[in-house]
Structure formats: C-alpha cells, structure tokens
Amino acid sequence: CGYAHAMGMGPGSIEEYWELFYKYPRISGGCVWEWKDHAVLEKEGYTYGGDHGEYPNDNNFCCDGLCSPTLEPHTSLYSLKKAIEPLRVEWADEEKGEIRLINRMDFTNTADLFELTYEIRDGEDILATGVLDPDVAPHATATLTLANLPKKTNMPCYIRFHVLYKNDTWFEKAGYEASFSELALATEVAKEEAPAPTTSVSYTE
C-alpha cells in the first residue's frame, strides 16, 4: 500500500516506516506515493489543475512526487535515500571507538561494492581522515575500531562517513555517494569567554 504521501509538507516519518520494514520481512517498503510531480510545462512554468480553465479540478494534487516533472530531486528524495541506505553506520561502543556496520542488502557483500571513508571534524575543521574496508555479508553486522579519537576539541565533534561506490556499475559511476552518516563524538569542548563590552548601549521602548 502506498505511504508517506509526498505532497506539501510531506512525506513524513520515512525513517520510522523503514524501521518497521527492516524489522518485519512481510512489510514492503518501496511504495512511497509518489515518484514524480505530474505537471504540464508551459512558457510561464509548470501548470496543473485549474490553470487551463477546467472545472472541477484537484488543483495541485498531482504535484505529490519525490522529484519535479524534470526529475530534479526534492528534499524528500534525499530523506528516502538516507532511510534506505545499503550500509548503515552507528556506534557500537563510543568509548572504545567501535562502530557497527549493518549491511541491509539481500545478496551482496559490501566489500564487493563500497569503500567507506570518514573524516573527523572539530566544527568545520577536519582533524583526520581515513578509509575503512566495509567487509560485511548480506543481512550481517560487523564492528570496526577507529583509533586515536580526540578527547578535547574547540567545537562539538562529529565523524562523517561516506559510503562510496568502488567501481562503475550499470547504474552509477565510481565515487558516487551511496549514503552518508554522521555520528556525534563526546569530547571536552573548550569554553570560550565572551568579550567584555567596549561600548555602552542605549535603547528606546
């Protein structure tokens, strides 16, 4: 059955839906309503119900897709891409620097398709980068350890992971990002003192 109607402020709760799809094999997850906005391209732009003088009509009820009529992705398509990521990265044990890799594919080992790169960020500053071998069997999990994680940073610290295709496929080029994850790293963040005011302030109510 269709779900997550992609119209207006929708679709919502995509991540929560997919938690159920992964938990219960009898539930199908590919039925987001729907793929593409249905509109007519005129000189003034896209038109839909009522723009051509017809009555009655459903107004913009045909513009309910994950992408535009010319296949430009809407934000909701990126949300869906994240929810259905083939390789999920999460903390297994943050204190030990262990991450858990979850292969959500049915038939393919992640090592056959992907390389996993990461960067440790102190705010916008990159402290370290690396490449990991995501060797995980279908429907399996594995753990990897990140060494020398920072204990103190100037800004909140995050580790950003990028799942990249290793080689060209029939549907994508090598280096394309299949998914990404960002994990917060608990560090001692330096306190910054606010500068003392140098001028007086006046106001009128």
N, C-alpha and C. Protein backbone atom coordinates (compact mmCIF):
# COMPACT_ATOMS: atom_id res chain seq x y z
N CYS A 1 0.85 -1.19 0.00
CA CYS A 1 0.00 0.00 0.00
C CYS A 1 0.89 1.24 0.00
N GLY A 2 0.49 2.27 -0.74
CA GLY A 2 1.26 3.50 -0.75
C GLY A 2 1.30 4.15 0.62
N TYR A 3 2.40 4.84 0.90
CA TYR A 3 2.55 5.52 2.19
C TYR A 3 3.43 6.75 1.98
N ALA A 4 3.57 7.57 3.04
CA ALA A 4 4.45 8.74 3.01
C ALA A 4 4.12 9.66 1.84
N HIS A 5 2.88 10.08 1.75
CA HIS A 5 2.41 10.92 0.64
C HIS A 5 3.28 12.17 0.52
N ALA A 6 3.96 12.31 -0.62
CA ALA A 6 4.97 13.35 -0.81
C ALA A 6 4.36 14.63 -1.35
N MET A 7 3.46 15.24 -0.59
CA MET A 7 2.79 16.46 -1.03
C MET A 7 2.84 17.50 0.07
N GLY A 8 2.98 18.76 -0.31
CA GLY A 8 3.01 19.83 0.68
C GLY A 8 4.17 19.66 1.63
N MET A 9 3.89 19.54 2.93
CA MET A 9 4.94 19.34 3.92
C MET A 9 5.37 17.88 4.03
N GLY A 10 4.73 16.98 3.27
CA GLY A 10 5.08 15.57 3.31
C GLY A 10 6.26 15.27 2.42
N PRO A 11 6.75 14.03 2.40
CA PRO A 11 6.28 12.94 3.26
C PRO A 11 6.95 13.01 4.63
N GLY A 12 6.33 12.39 5.62
CA GLY A 12 6.91 12.40 6.95
C GLY A 12 7.12 11.00 7.48
N SER A 13 7.91 10.90 8.53
CA SER A 13 8.14 9.64 9.25
C SER A 13 8.74 8.55 8.37
N ILE A 14 9.53 8.92 7.37
CA ILE A 14 10.12 7.91 6.49
C ILE A 14 11.02 6.97 7.29
N GLU A 15 11.85 7.52 8.16
CA GLU A 15 12.77 6.70 8.95
C GLU A 15 12.01 5.70 9.82
N GLU A 16 10.91 6.16 10.43
CA GLU A 16 10.13 5.28 11.30
C GLU A 16 9.46 4.15 10.50
N TYR A 17 8.98 4.48 9.29
CA TYR A 17 8.43 3.44 8.44
C TYR A 17 9.49 2.37 8.14
N TRP A 18 10.69 2.82 7.78
CA TRP A 18 11.71 1.86 7.35
C TRP A 18 12.24 1.04 8.50
N GLU A 19 12.16 1.52 9.71
CA GLU A 19 12.50 0.68 10.86
C GLU A 19 11.56 -0.52 10.92
N LEU A 20 10.28 -0.30 10.59
CA LEU A 20 9.32 -1.40 10.56
C LEU A 20 9.59 -2.35 9.38
N PHE A 21 9.94 -1.78 8.23
CA PHE A 21 10.20 -2.63 7.06
C PHE A 21 11.38 -3.56 7.30
N TYR A 22 12.42 -3.06 7.96
CA TYR A 22 13.58 -3.89 8.24
C TYR A 22 13.28 -4.90 9.35
N LYS A 23 12.37 -4.57 10.23
CA LYS A 23 12.05 -5.46 11.34
C LYS A 23 11.13 -6.60 10.93
N TYR A 24 10.17 -6.31 10.02
CA TYR A 24 9.17 -7.30 9.63
C TYR A 24 9.29 -7.60 8.13
N PRO A 25 9.81 -8.77 7.75
CA PRO A 25 10.03 -9.08 6.33
C PRO A 25 8.75 -9.07 5.50
N ARG A 26 7.58 -9.20 6.12
CA ARG A 26 6.34 -9.26 5.35
C ARG A 26 5.88 -7.87 4.89
N ILE A 27 6.51 -6.82 5.40
CA ILE A 27 6.10 -5.46 5.02
C ILE A 27 6.97 -4.98 3.87
N SER A 28 6.35 -4.42 2.84
CA SER A 28 7.06 -3.92 1.67
C SER A 28 7.32 -2.42 1.81
N GLY A 29 8.52 -1.99 1.43
CA GLY A 29 8.89 -0.60 1.68
C GLY A 29 9.04 0.29 0.47
N GLY A 30 8.77 -0.23 -0.74
CA GLY A 30 9.07 0.56 -1.92
C GLY A 30 7.92 1.36 -2.48
N CYS A 31 6.91 1.62 -1.67
CA CYS A 31 5.65 2.16 -2.20
C CYS A 31 5.40 3.61 -1.80
N VAL A 32 6.43 4.43 -1.73
CA VAL A 32 6.23 5.84 -1.40
C VAL A 32 5.37 6.49 -2.49
N TRP A 33 4.37 7.28 -2.06
CA TRP A 33 3.48 7.96 -3.00
C TRP A 33 3.91 9.42 -3.11
N GLU A 34 4.56 9.86 -4.23
CA GLU A 34 4.91 9.01 -5.34
C GLU A 34 6.18 9.49 -5.98
N TRP A 35 6.56 8.94 -7.13
CA TRP A 35 7.88 9.20 -7.68
C TRP A 35 8.04 10.63 -8.20
N LYS A 36 7.08 11.13 -8.95
CA LYS A 36 7.33 12.34 -9.74
C LYS A 36 6.10 13.25 -9.75
N ASP A 37 6.34 14.56 -9.67
CA ASP A 37 5.25 15.52 -9.85
C ASP A 37 4.70 15.41 -11.27
N HIS A 38 3.37 15.50 -11.39
CA HIS A 38 2.73 15.46 -12.70
C HIS A 38 2.20 16.85 -13.02
N ALA A 39 2.94 17.56 -13.84
CA ALA A 39 2.54 18.92 -14.21
C ALA A 39 2.88 19.15 -15.68
N VAL A 40 2.26 20.17 -16.25
CA VAL A 40 2.46 20.49 -17.65
C VAL A 40 3.37 21.71 -17.76
N LEU A 41 4.40 21.60 -18.57
CA LEU A 41 5.34 22.71 -18.72
C LEU A 41 4.83 23.69 -19.78
N GLU A 42 4.53 24.90 -19.33
CA GLU A 42 4.12 25.98 -20.23
C GLU A 42 5.21 27.05 -20.23
N LYS A 43 5.00 28.09 -21.02
CA LYS A 43 6.00 29.15 -21.09
C LYS A 43 6.22 29.82 -19.74
N GLU A 44 5.14 29.93 -18.95
CA GLU A 44 5.24 30.62 -17.67
C GLU A 44 5.71 29.70 -16.54
N GLY A 45 5.89 28.43 -16.85
CA GLY A 45 6.33 27.47 -15.83
C GLY A 45 5.41 26.27 -15.77
N TYR A 46 5.47 25.53 -14.69
CA TYR A 46 4.65 24.33 -14.54
C TYR A 46 3.22 24.71 -14.19
N THR A 47 2.27 24.02 -14.81
CA THR A 47 0.85 24.26 -14.55
C THR A 47 0.19 22.96 -14.15
N TYR A 48 -0.97 23.10 -13.46
CA TYR A 48 -1.70 21.91 -13.01
C TYR A 48 -3.18 22.27 -12.95
N GLY A 49 -3.95 21.50 -12.17
CA GLY A 49 -5.40 21.61 -12.18
C GLY A 49 -5.92 23.04 -12.01
N GLY A 50 -6.75 23.50 -12.93
CA GLY A 50 -7.33 24.83 -12.88
C GLY A 50 -6.57 25.86 -13.68
N ASP A 51 -5.32 25.58 -14.03
CA ASP A 51 -4.52 26.54 -14.78
C ASP A 51 -4.92 26.64 -16.24
N HIS A 52 -5.76 25.73 -16.71
CA HIS A 52 -6.17 25.74 -18.11
C HIS A 52 -7.66 25.99 -18.26
N GLY A 53 -8.25 26.53 -17.17
CA GLY A 53 -9.65 26.90 -17.21
C GLY A 53 -10.62 25.75 -16.97
N GLU A 54 -10.11 24.57 -16.61
CA GLU A 54 -11.01 23.43 -16.41
C GLU A 54 -11.63 23.46 -15.01
N TYR A 55 -12.86 22.99 -14.93
CA TYR A 55 -13.57 22.89 -13.66
C TYR A 55 -14.56 21.73 -13.74
N PRO A 56 -14.67 20.89 -12.72
CA PRO A 56 -13.89 20.93 -11.48
C PRO A 56 -12.46 20.40 -11.70
N ASN A 57 -11.63 20.58 -10.69
CA ASN A 57 -10.25 20.08 -10.77
C ASN A 57 -9.74 19.81 -9.36
N ASP A 58 -8.60 19.15 -9.27
CA ASP A 58 -7.98 18.83 -7.98
C ASP A 58 -6.81 19.75 -7.67
N ASN A 59 -6.76 20.89 -8.37
CA ASN A 59 -5.72 21.89 -8.09
C ASN A 59 -4.34 21.25 -8.23
N ASN A 60 -3.50 21.37 -7.19
CA ASN A 60 -2.13 20.86 -7.30
C ASN A 60 -1.98 19.45 -6.72
N PHE A 61 -3.05 18.69 -6.65
CA PHE A 61 -2.99 17.36 -6.05
C PHE A 61 -2.17 16.39 -6.89
N CYS A 62 -1.79 16.79 -8.10
CA CYS A 62 -0.94 15.95 -8.94
C CYS A 62 0.54 16.21 -8.68
N CYS A 63 0.85 17.24 -7.87
CA CYS A 63 2.25 17.57 -7.54
C CYS A 63 2.57 16.95 -6.18
N ASP A 64 2.77 15.65 -6.19
CA ASP A 64 2.95 14.91 -4.95
C ASP A 64 4.09 13.90 -5.08
N GLY A 65 5.17 14.32 -5.75
CA GLY A 65 6.27 13.39 -6.03
C GLY A 65 7.53 13.70 -5.25
N LEU A 66 8.48 12.75 -5.33
CA LEU A 66 9.80 12.91 -4.72
C LEU A 66 10.73 13.76 -5.58
N CYS A 67 10.33 13.99 -6.83
CA CYS A 67 11.13 14.84 -7.70
C CYS A 67 10.19 15.65 -8.60
N SER A 68 10.74 16.64 -9.25
CA SER A 68 9.97 17.52 -10.12
C SER A 68 9.63 16.81 -11.43
N PRO A 69 8.80 17.42 -12.28
CA PRO A 69 8.50 16.80 -13.58
C PRO A 69 9.74 16.57 -14.44
N THR A 70 10.81 17.36 -14.20
CA THR A 70 12.05 17.17 -14.96
C THR A 70 13.09 16.42 -14.14
N LEU A 71 12.64 15.71 -13.10
CA LEU A 71 13.47 14.80 -12.29
C LEU A 71 14.50 15.51 -11.41
N GLU A 72 14.23 16.75 -11.04
CA GLU A 72 15.08 17.42 -10.05
C GLU A 72 14.66 16.94 -8.67
N PRO A 73 15.57 16.42 -7.84
CA PRO A 73 15.18 15.86 -6.55
C PRO A 73 14.62 16.91 -5.60
N HIS A 74 13.51 16.55 -4.92
CA HIS A 74 13.03 17.33 -3.79
C HIS A 74 13.75 16.86 -2.53
N THR A 75 13.67 17.64 -1.46
CA THR A 75 14.30 17.26 -0.20
C THR A 75 13.86 15.88 0.26
N SER A 76 12.61 15.54 0.01
CA SER A 76 12.08 14.26 0.45
C SER A 76 12.80 13.08 -0.19
N LEU A 77 13.32 13.24 -1.39
CA LEU A 77 14.04 12.15 -2.04
C LEU A 77 15.35 11.87 -1.31
N TYR A 78 16.01 12.94 -0.83
CA TYR A 78 17.23 12.74 -0.05
C TYR A 78 16.91 12.07 1.29
N SER A 79 15.76 12.39 1.87
CA SER A 79 15.34 11.73 3.11
C SER A 79 15.12 10.24 2.88
N LEU A 80 14.48 9.90 1.77
CA LEU A 80 14.26 8.49 1.45
C LEU A 80 15.59 7.78 1.19
N LYS A 81 16.48 8.44 0.48
CA LYS A 81 17.79 7.84 0.20
C LYS A 81 18.52 7.50 1.49
N LYS A 82 18.44 8.38 2.47
CA LYS A 82 19.09 8.12 3.75
C LYS A 82 18.43 6.95 4.47
N ALA A 83 17.10 6.88 4.42
CA ALA A 83 16.38 5.83 5.14
C ALA A 83 16.66 4.45 4.56
N ILE A 84 16.89 4.35 3.25
CA ILE A 84 17.10 3.05 2.61
C ILE A 84 18.57 2.79 2.33
N GLU A 85 19.46 3.46 3.05
CA GLU A 85 20.90 3.31 2.81
C GLU A 85 21.30 1.83 2.91
N PRO A 86 22.13 1.36 1.96
CA PRO A 86 22.51 -0.06 1.95
C PRO A 86 23.46 -0.44 3.08
N LEU A 87 24.25 0.53 3.55
CA LEU A 87 25.20 0.27 4.64
C LEU A 87 24.99 1.32 5.72
N ARG A 88 24.55 0.86 6.88
CA ARG A 88 24.29 1.76 8.00
C ARG A 88 25.49 1.77 8.94
N VAL A 89 25.84 2.97 9.43
CA VAL A 89 26.94 3.12 10.36
C VAL A 89 26.40 3.71 11.66
N GLU A 90 26.71 3.06 12.78
CA GLU A 90 26.27 3.56 14.08
C GLU A 90 27.32 3.20 15.13
N TRP A 91 27.21 3.80 16.30
CA TRP A 91 28.13 3.47 17.38
C TRP A 91 27.85 2.08 17.90
N ALA A 92 28.90 1.29 18.09
CA ALA A 92 28.81 0.03 18.84
C ALA A 92 29.27 0.28 20.27
N ASP A 93 30.41 0.99 20.42
CA ASP A 93 30.93 1.38 21.73
C ASP A 93 31.75 2.65 21.53
N GLU A 94 31.16 3.78 21.84
CA GLU A 94 31.83 5.05 21.58
C GLU A 94 33.11 5.19 22.38
N GLU A 95 33.12 4.73 23.64
CA GLU A 95 34.32 4.86 24.48
C GLU A 95 35.51 4.10 23.89
N LYS A 96 35.25 2.98 23.25
CA LYS A 96 36.32 2.20 22.62
C LYS A 96 36.57 2.61 21.17
N GLY A 97 35.75 3.52 20.65
CA GLY A 97 35.89 3.92 19.26
C GLY A 97 35.40 2.89 18.28
N GLU A 98 34.48 2.00 18.71
CA GLU A 98 33.97 0.94 17.86
C GLU A 98 32.69 1.37 17.16
N ILE A 99 32.66 1.20 15.85
CA ILE A 99 31.46 1.47 15.07
C ILE A 99 30.87 0.16 14.57
N ARG A 100 29.56 0.14 14.42
CA ARG A 100 28.85 -1.03 13.91
C ARG A 100 28.41 -0.77 12.49
N LEU A 101 28.74 -1.69 11.59
CA LEU A 101 28.32 -1.61 10.20
C LEU A 101 27.22 -2.63 9.96
N ILE A 102 26.12 -2.19 9.38
CA ILE A 102 24.97 -3.05 9.13
C ILE A 102 24.71 -3.10 7.62
N ASN A 103 24.86 -4.29 7.05
CA ASN A 103 24.60 -4.47 5.63
C ASN A 103 23.12 -4.80 5.44
N ARG A 104 22.38 -3.90 4.81
CA ARG A 104 20.95 -4.10 4.62
C ARG A 104 20.61 -4.70 3.26
N MET A 105 21.62 -5.04 2.49
CA MET A 105 21.37 -5.64 1.19
C MET A 105 21.05 -7.13 1.35
N ASP A 106 20.33 -7.68 0.39
CA ASP A 106 19.87 -9.07 0.47
C ASP A 106 20.90 -10.08 -0.02
N PHE A 107 21.74 -9.69 -1.00
CA PHE A 107 22.58 -10.68 -1.65
C PHE A 107 24.05 -10.30 -1.76
N THR A 108 24.42 -9.06 -1.50
CA THR A 108 25.74 -8.57 -1.85
C THR A 108 26.57 -8.21 -0.62
N ASN A 109 27.82 -8.68 -0.60
CA ASN A 109 28.77 -8.26 0.43
C ASN A 109 29.16 -6.81 0.15
N THR A 110 29.24 -6.01 1.20
CA THR A 110 29.56 -4.59 1.00
C THR A 110 30.94 -4.39 0.38
N ALA A 111 31.87 -5.34 0.63
CA ALA A 111 33.21 -5.20 0.08
C ALA A 111 33.22 -5.29 -1.45
N ASP A 112 32.20 -5.91 -2.02
CA ASP A 112 32.11 -6.03 -3.47
C ASP A 112 31.70 -4.72 -4.14
N LEU A 113 31.10 -3.80 -3.35
CA LEU A 113 30.56 -2.58 -3.94
C LEU A 113 31.21 -1.30 -3.42
N PHE A 114 31.50 -1.24 -2.13
CA PHE A 114 31.74 0.05 -1.50
C PHE A 114 33.12 0.17 -0.85
N GLU A 115 33.55 1.41 -0.72
CA GLU A 115 34.59 1.77 0.22
C GLU A 115 33.99 2.79 1.19
N LEU A 116 34.50 2.78 2.40
CA LEU A 116 33.95 3.64 3.45
C LEU A 116 35.02 4.63 3.89
N THR A 117 34.81 5.90 3.59
CA THR A 117 35.74 6.93 4.01
C THR A 117 35.14 7.69 5.19
N TYR A 118 36.00 8.33 5.97
CA TYR A 118 35.50 9.11 7.09
C TYR A 118 36.38 10.32 7.33
N GLU A 119 35.81 11.30 8.00
CA GLU A 119 36.54 12.49 8.40
C GLU A 119 36.05 12.91 9.78
N ILE A 120 37.01 13.25 10.64
CA ILE A 120 36.69 13.69 11.99
C ILE A 120 36.75 15.20 12.00
N ARG A 121 35.63 15.83 12.41
CA ARG A 121 35.50 17.28 12.31
C ARG A 121 35.39 17.93 13.68
N ASP A 122 36.22 18.92 13.88
CA ASP A 122 36.13 19.81 15.05
C ASP A 122 35.43 21.07 14.55
N GLY A 123 34.10 21.08 14.65
CA GLY A 123 33.36 22.15 13.97
C GLY A 123 33.52 21.97 12.48
N GLU A 124 34.05 22.98 11.81
CA GLU A 124 34.30 22.89 10.37
C GLU A 124 35.72 22.43 10.06
N ASP A 125 36.58 22.35 11.06
CA ASP A 125 37.97 21.92 10.84
C ASP A 125 38.05 20.40 10.80
N ILE A 126 38.75 19.87 9.80
CA ILE A 126 38.93 18.42 9.67
C ILE A 126 40.21 18.02 10.41
N LEU A 127 40.05 17.18 11.42
CA LEU A 127 41.20 16.75 12.23
C LEU A 127 41.90 15.53 11.64
N ALA A 128 41.14 14.64 11.03
CA ALA A 128 41.72 13.41 10.49
C ALA A 128 40.77 12.82 9.45
N THR A 129 41.35 12.06 8.53
CA THR A 129 40.57 11.34 7.53
C THR A 129 41.08 9.91 7.43
N GLY A 130 40.28 9.04 6.84
CA GLY A 130 40.71 7.66 6.68
C GLY A 130 39.80 6.89 5.77
N VAL A 131 40.22 5.68 5.42
CA VAL A 131 39.44 4.78 4.58
C VAL A 131 39.34 3.45 5.29
N LEU A 132 38.12 2.90 5.38
CA LEU A 132 37.87 1.62 6.04
C LEU A 132 37.37 0.60 5.02
N ASP A 133 37.60 -0.68 5.32
CA ASP A 133 37.14 -1.75 4.45
C ASP A 133 35.84 -2.31 5.01
N PRO A 134 34.71 -1.98 4.41
CA PRO A 134 33.42 -2.44 4.95
C PRO A 134 33.08 -3.85 4.47
N ASP A 135 33.74 -4.86 5.03
CA ASP A 135 33.55 -6.25 4.60
C ASP A 135 32.44 -6.88 5.44
N VAL A 136 31.18 -6.73 4.98
CA VAL A 136 30.04 -7.20 5.74
C VAL A 136 29.14 -8.03 4.82
N ALA A 137 28.82 -9.24 5.25
CA ALA A 137 27.96 -10.12 4.45
C ALA A 137 26.53 -9.60 4.43
N PRO A 138 25.72 -10.05 3.47
CA PRO A 138 24.32 -9.62 3.41
C PRO A 138 23.57 -9.92 4.71
N HIS A 139 22.80 -8.95 5.17
CA HIS A 139 21.99 -9.07 6.39
C HIS A 139 22.83 -9.31 7.63
N ALA A 140 24.13 -8.96 7.58
CA ALA A 140 25.01 -9.18 8.71
C ALA A 140 25.51 -7.85 9.26
N THR A 141 26.19 -7.92 10.40
CA THR A 141 26.80 -6.74 11.01
C THR A 141 28.27 -7.04 11.29
N ALA A 142 29.05 -5.99 11.39
CA ALA A 142 30.46 -6.12 11.73
C ALA A 142 30.86 -4.88 12.51
N THR A 143 31.95 -4.96 13.25
CA THR A 143 32.44 -3.81 14.01
C THR A 143 33.86 -3.49 13.56
N LEU A 144 34.16 -2.21 13.52
CA LEU A 144 35.50 -1.71 13.23
C LEU A 144 35.86 -0.70 14.31
N THR A 145 37.17 -0.56 14.56
CA THR A 145 37.64 0.35 15.60
C THR A 145 38.37 1.53 14.98
N LEU A 146 38.00 2.73 15.41
CA LEU A 146 38.70 3.94 15.00
C LEU A 146 39.69 4.31 16.09
N ALA A 147 40.95 4.45 15.70
CA ALA A 147 42.00 4.73 16.67
C ALA A 147 42.23 6.23 16.82
N ASN A 148 42.78 6.59 17.97
CA ASN A 148 43.24 7.97 18.24
C ASN A 148 42.13 9.01 18.05
N LEU A 149 40.96 8.72 18.59
CA LEU A 149 39.89 9.70 18.53
C LEU A 149 40.18 10.84 19.50
N PRO A 150 39.85 12.07 19.13
CA PRO A 150 40.17 13.21 20.00
C PRO A 150 39.36 13.20 21.29
N LYS A 151 39.98 13.70 22.36
CA LYS A 151 39.30 13.81 23.65
C LYS A 151 38.85 15.24 23.91
N LYS A 152 39.60 16.22 23.38
CA LYS A 152 39.28 17.63 23.57
C LYS A 152 39.21 18.31 22.21
N THR A 153 38.20 19.15 22.02
CA THR A 153 38.05 19.89 20.77
C THR A 153 37.60 21.31 21.07
N ASN A 154 37.76 22.17 20.10
CA ASN A 154 37.33 23.56 20.25
C ASN A 154 35.83 23.72 20.02
N MET A 155 35.26 22.82 19.21
CA MET A 155 33.85 22.86 18.86
C MET A 155 33.27 21.46 19.02
N PRO A 156 31.94 21.31 19.00
CA PRO A 156 31.37 19.96 19.01
C PRO A 156 31.96 19.12 17.89
N CYS A 157 32.24 17.86 18.18
CA CYS A 157 32.98 16.99 17.28
C CYS A 157 32.06 15.95 16.65
N TYR A 158 32.25 15.72 15.36
CA TYR A 158 31.46 14.74 14.62
C TYR A 158 32.37 13.91 13.72
N ILE A 159 31.97 12.66 13.48
CA ILE A 159 32.64 11.82 12.50
C ILE A 159 31.68 11.61 11.34
N ARG A 160 32.08 12.01 10.17
CA ARG A 160 31.24 11.90 8.99
C ARG A 160 31.74 10.76 8.11
N PHE A 161 30.86 9.82 7.80
CA PHE A 161 31.19 8.66 6.99
C PHE A 161 30.55 8.79 5.61
N HIS A 162 31.29 8.37 4.59
CA HIS A 162 30.79 8.41 3.22
C HIS A 162 30.91 7.00 2.62
N VAL A 163 29.80 6.44 2.19
CA VAL A 163 29.78 5.14 1.54
C VAL A 163 29.83 5.38 0.03
N LEU A 164 30.96 5.02 -0.60
CA LEU A 164 31.19 5.35 -2.00
C LEU A 164 31.31 4.09 -2.84
N TYR A 165 30.77 4.14 -4.06
CA TYR A 165 30.95 3.02 -4.98
C TYR A 165 32.41 2.91 -5.39
N LYS A 166 32.96 1.69 -5.33
CA LYS A 166 34.37 1.47 -5.66
C LYS A 166 34.61 1.49 -7.17
N ASN A 167 33.65 0.98 -7.91
CA ASN A 167 33.81 0.83 -9.36
C ASN A 167 32.54 1.29 -10.07
N ASP A 168 32.66 1.50 -11.37
CA ASP A 168 31.48 1.82 -12.17
C ASP A 168 30.52 0.63 -12.15
N THR A 169 29.22 0.92 -12.08
CA THR A 169 28.20 -0.10 -12.20
C THR A 169 27.28 0.27 -13.36
N TRP A 170 26.29 -0.59 -13.63
CA TRP A 170 25.37 -0.27 -14.72
C TRP A 170 24.46 0.89 -14.37
N PHE A 171 24.42 1.27 -13.07
CA PHE A 171 23.51 2.35 -12.65
C PHE A 171 24.23 3.53 -12.03
N GLU A 172 25.54 3.40 -11.74
CA GLU A 172 26.22 4.53 -11.10
C GLU A 172 27.72 4.49 -11.38
N LYS A 173 28.37 5.66 -11.27
CA LYS A 173 29.79 5.79 -11.51
C LYS A 173 30.58 5.57 -10.22
N ALA A 174 31.83 5.16 -10.37
CA ALA A 174 32.72 5.01 -9.23
C ALA A 174 32.87 6.34 -8.50
N GLY A 175 32.85 6.29 -7.18
CA GLY A 175 32.98 7.51 -6.38
C GLY A 175 31.67 8.14 -5.99
N TYR A 176 30.55 7.68 -6.59
CA TYR A 176 29.25 8.23 -6.21
C TYR A 176 28.92 7.84 -4.78
N GLU A 177 28.33 8.78 -4.03
CA GLU A 177 28.00 8.54 -2.63
C GLU A 177 26.66 7.80 -2.52
N ALA A 178 26.74 6.53 -2.10
CA ALA A 178 25.52 5.76 -1.90
C ALA A 178 24.78 6.23 -0.67
N SER A 179 25.52 6.61 0.37
CA SER A 179 24.90 7.13 1.58
C SER A 179 25.98 7.78 2.44
N PHE A 180 25.55 8.48 3.48
CA PHE A 180 26.49 9.05 4.44
C PHE A 180 25.86 8.96 5.82
N SER A 181 26.72 9.01 6.82
CA SER A 181 26.27 9.03 8.21
C SER A 181 27.14 10.02 8.97
N GLU A 182 26.60 10.55 10.04
CA GLU A 182 27.35 11.48 10.88
C GLU A 182 27.07 11.13 12.34
N LEU A 183 28.12 10.78 13.06
CA LEU A 183 28.00 10.39 14.46
C LEU A 183 28.64 11.45 15.34
N ALA A 184 27.94 11.84 16.39
CA ALA A 184 28.50 12.78 17.36
C ALA A 184 29.52 12.05 18.22
N LEU A 185 30.63 12.74 18.49
CA LEU A 185 31.68 12.19 19.35
C LEU A 185 31.75 13.05 20.61
N ALA A 186 31.56 12.42 21.75
CA ALA A 186 31.57 13.16 23.01
C ALA A 186 33.00 13.57 23.35
N THR A 187 33.27 14.85 23.25
CA THR A 187 34.59 15.39 23.59
C THR A 187 34.42 16.54 24.59
N GLU A 188 35.51 16.87 25.23
CA GLU A 188 35.52 18.04 26.11
C GLU A 188 35.70 19.28 25.24
N VAL A 189 34.65 20.08 25.16
CA VAL A 189 34.68 21.25 24.28
C VAL A 189 35.20 22.45 25.06
N ALA A 190 36.19 23.13 24.47
CA ALA A 190 36.81 24.28 25.12
C ALA A 190 35.78 25.38 25.34
N LYS A 191 35.82 25.99 26.51
CA LYS A 191 34.92 27.09 26.80
C LYS A 191 35.52 28.39 26.29
N GLU A 192 34.68 29.19 25.69
CA GLU A 192 35.13 30.45 25.13
C GLU A 192 34.48 31.60 25.89
N GLU A 193 35.31 32.46 26.45
CA GLU A 193 34.80 33.60 27.21
C GLU A 193 34.28 34.67 26.26
N ALA A 194 33.11 35.18 26.57
CA ALA A 194 32.57 36.28 25.77
C ALA A 194 33.38 37.54 26.02
N PRO A 195 33.70 38.30 24.99
CA PRO A 195 34.48 39.53 25.20
C PRO A 195 33.69 40.56 26.00
N ALA A 196 34.43 41.32 26.79
CA ALA A 196 33.78 42.37 27.57
C ALA A 196 33.25 43.45 26.63
N PRO A 197 32.09 44.03 26.94
CA PRO A 197 31.56 45.08 26.07
C PRO A 197 32.48 46.30 26.05
N THR A 198 32.63 46.88 24.89
CA THR A 198 33.52 48.04 24.75
C THR A 198 32.74 49.34 24.57
N THR A 199 31.46 49.25 24.40
CA THR A 199 30.65 50.48 24.25
C THR A 199 29.41 50.33 25.10
N SER A 200 28.83 51.46 25.42
CA SER A 200 27.58 51.45 26.15
C SER A 200 26.42 51.27 25.18
N VAL A 201 25.31 50.77 25.69
CA VAL A 201 24.14 50.52 24.85
C VAL A 201 22.97 51.33 25.38
N SER A 202 22.27 51.98 24.48
CA SER A 202 21.06 52.68 24.85
C SER A 202 19.92 52.14 24.01
N TYR A 203 18.71 52.25 24.53
CA TYR A 203 17.56 51.73 23.78
C TYR A 203 16.34 52.58 24.09
N THR A 204 15.40 52.51 23.20
CA THR A 204 14.11 53.20 23.38
C THR A 204 13.00 52.18 23.25
N GLU A 205 12.08 52.17 24.21
CA GLU A 205 10.98 51.23 24.16
C GLU A 205 9.79 51.90 23.47
